[in-house]
């Protein structure tokens, strides 16, 4: 089974999902403040838990316009995100 945001998205609204989303959002804020951009790997290194749920958190933040996917070259761990517009 491969990652599909649409399949994982409902898990974001469970207690575990909301906790993960808050942790990811906090880490994203720190990374944007210190560097202005970050890779998926930088978030996943500090937030523990289900990696697909972590990816869904990032996709959700992109969907809401809080962050923007600047480069999706290479494996998903190497994708670069910046602050949303």
C-alpha atoms as a PDB file:
ATOM      1  CA  UNK A   1       0.000   0.000   0.000  1.00  0.00           C
ATOM      2  CA  UNK A   2       1.336   3.432  -0.900  1.00  0.00           C
ATOM      3  CA  UNK A   3       0.684   6.837   0.606  1.00  0.00           C
ATOM      4  CA  UNK A   4      -2.460   8.611  -0.573  1.00  0.00           C
ATOM      5  CA  UNK A   5      -3.343  11.862   1.158  1.00  0.00           C
ATOM      6  CA  UNK A   6      -7.075  11.430   0.548  1.00  0.00           C
ATOM      7  CA  UNK A   7      -7.005   8.074   2.370  1.00  0.00           C
ATOM      8  CA  UNK A   8      -5.012   9.347   5.375  1.00  0.00           C
ATOM      9  CA  UNK A   9      -6.653  12.793   5.692  1.00  0.00           C
ATOM     10  CA  UNK A  10      -9.559  11.604   7.917  1.00  0.00           C
ATOM     11  CA  UNK A  11      -6.996  10.417  10.483  1.00  0.00           C
ATOM     12  CA  UNK A  12      -5.882  14.049  10.920  1.00  0.00           C
ATOM     13  CA  UNK A  13      -9.142  14.708  12.742  1.00  0.00           C
ATOM     14  CA  UNK A  14      -8.672  12.001  15.367  1.00  0.00           C
ATOM     15  CA  UNK A  15      -7.077  12.753  18.735  1.00  0.00           C
ATOM     16  CA  UNK A  16      -3.776  11.232  17.562  1.00  0.00           C
ATOM     17  CA  UNK A  17      -3.956  13.136  14.275  1.00  0.00           C
ATOM     18  CA  UNK A  18      -4.616  16.502  15.909  1.00  0.00           C
ATOM     19  CA  UNK A  19      -1.698  15.958  18.293  1.00  0.00           C
ATOM     20  CA  UNK A  20       0.578  15.102  15.371  1.00  0.00           C
ATOM     21  CA  UNK A  21      -0.655  18.086  13.361  1.00  0.00           C
ATOM     22  CA  UNK A  22       0.113  20.421  16.271  1.00  0.00           C
ATOM     23  CA  UNK A  23       3.628  18.984  16.657  1.00  0.00           C
ATOM     24  CA  UNK A  24       4.297  19.209  12.925  1.00  0.00           C
ATOM     25  CA  UNK A  25       2.953  22.762  12.748  1.00  0.00           C
ATOM     26  CA  UNK A  26       5.140  23.833  15.680  1.00  0.00           C
ATOM     27  CA  UNK A  27       8.236  22.290  14.096  1.00  0.00           C
ATOM     28  CA  UNK A  28       7.426  23.839  10.719  1.00  0.00           C
ATOM     29  CA  UNK A  29       7.153  27.245  12.414  1.00  0.00           C
ATOM     30  CA  UNK A  30      10.557  26.814  14.075  1.00  0.00           C
ATOM     31  CA  UNK A  31      12.189  25.714  10.828  1.00  0.00           C
ATOM     32  CA  UNK A  32      10.671  28.569   8.827  1.00  0.00           C
ATOM     33  CA  UNK A  33      11.777  31.068  11.476  1.00  0.00           C
ATOM     34  CA  UNK A  34      15.369  29.831  11.558  1.00  0.00           C
ATOM     35  CA  UNK A  35      15.948  28.911   7.898  1.00  0.00           C
ATOM     36  CA  UNK A  36      13.045  30.171   5.797  1.00  0.00           C
ATOM     37  CA  UNK A  37      12.635  26.735   4.221  1.00  0.00           C
ATOM     38  CA  UNK A  38      12.802  23.096   5.258  1.00  0.00           C
ATOM     39  CA  UNK A  39      12.754  19.553   3.928  1.00  0.00           C
ATOM     40  CA  UNK A  40      10.301  16.833   4.832  1.00  0.00           C
ATOM     41  CA  UNK A  41      13.162  14.980   6.502  1.00  0.00           C
ATOM     42  CA  UNK A  42      13.827  17.876   8.914  1.00  0.00           C
ATOM     43  CA  UNK A  43      10.259  17.648  10.207  1.00  0.00           C
ATOM     44  CA  UNK A  44      10.181  13.861  10.363  1.00  0.00           C
ATOM     45  CA  UNK A  45      13.460  13.775  12.270  1.00  0.00           C
ATOM     46  CA  UNK A  46      11.985  15.598  15.259  1.00  0.00           C
ATOM     47  CA  UNK A  47       8.330  14.512  15.219  1.00  0.00           C
ATOM     48  CA  UNK A  48       7.842  10.852  16.071  1.00  0.00           C
ATOM     49  CA  UNK A  49       4.984   8.657  14.959  1.00  0.00           C
ATOM     50  CA  UNK A  50       3.370   7.305  11.820  1.00  0.00           C
ATOM     51  CA  UNK A  51       5.296   8.634   8.823  1.00  0.00           C
ATOM     52  CA  UNK A  52       2.242   8.655   6.547  1.00  0.00           C
ATOM     53  CA  UNK A  53       0.355  10.725   9.103  1.00  0.00           C
ATOM     54  CA  UNK A  54       3.324  13.110   9.200  1.00  0.00           C
ATOM     55  CA  UNK A  55       3.174  13.448   5.420  1.00  0.00           C
ATOM     56  CA  UNK A  56      -0.573  14.049   5.644  1.00  0.00           C
ATOM     57  CA  UNK A  57       0.082  16.836   8.145  1.00  0.00           C
ATOM     58  CA  UNK A  58       2.411  18.531   5.670  1.00  0.00           C
ATOM     59  CA  UNK A  59      -0.067  18.033   2.831  1.00  0.00           C
ATOM     60  CA  UNK A  60      -2.817  19.516   5.006  1.00  0.00           C
ATOM     61  CA  UNK A  61      -0.687  22.583   5.773  1.00  0.00           C
ATOM     62  CA  UNK A  62      -0.064  22.979   2.024  1.00  0.00           C
ATOM     63  CA  UNK A  63      -3.785  22.581   1.347  1.00  0.00           C
ATOM     64  CA  UNK A  64      -4.566  25.329   3.867  1.00  0.00           C
ATOM     65  CA  UNK A  65      -1.935  27.656   2.370  1.00  0.00           C
ATOM     66  CA  UNK A  66       0.247  27.778   5.482  1.00  0.00           C
ATOM     67  CA  UNK A  67       3.227  26.301   3.645  1.00  0.00           C
ATOM     68  CA  UNK A  68       4.089  25.868  -0.008  1.00  0.00           C
ATOM     69  CA  UNK A  69       5.841  22.992  -1.739  1.00  0.00           C
ATOM     70  CA  UNK A  70       8.794  24.713  -3.396  1.00  0.00           C
ATOM     71  CA  UNK A  71      10.488  21.635  -4.856  1.00  0.00           C
ATOM     72  CA  UNK A  72       9.317  18.053  -5.149  1.00  0.00           C
ATOM     73  CA  UNK A  73      12.427  16.713  -6.842  1.00  0.00           C
ATOM     74  CA  UNK A  74      13.819  13.463  -5.545  1.00  0.00           C
ATOM     75  CA  UNK A  75      12.309  11.339  -2.800  1.00  0.00           C
ATOM     76  CA  UNK A  76       9.601  12.888  -0.618  1.00  0.00           C
ATOM     77  CA  UNK A  77      12.060  13.232   2.287  1.00  0.00           C
ATOM     78  CA  UNK A  78      14.023  15.716   0.155  1.00  0.00           C
ATOM     79  CA  UNK A  79      11.088  17.897  -0.860  1.00  0.00           C
ATOM     80  CA  UNK A  80      11.507  21.555   0.089  1.00  0.00           C
ATOM     81  CA  UNK A  81       8.779  23.676   1.656  1.00  0.00           C
ATOM     82  CA  UNK A  82       8.553  27.412   2.255  1.00  0.00           C
ATOM     83  CA  UNK A  83       6.065  29.729   3.925  1.00  0.00           C
ATOM     84  CA  UNK A  84       2.710  29.917   2.186  1.00  0.00           C
ATOM     85  CA  UNK A  85       1.495  33.070   0.497  1.00  0.00           C
END
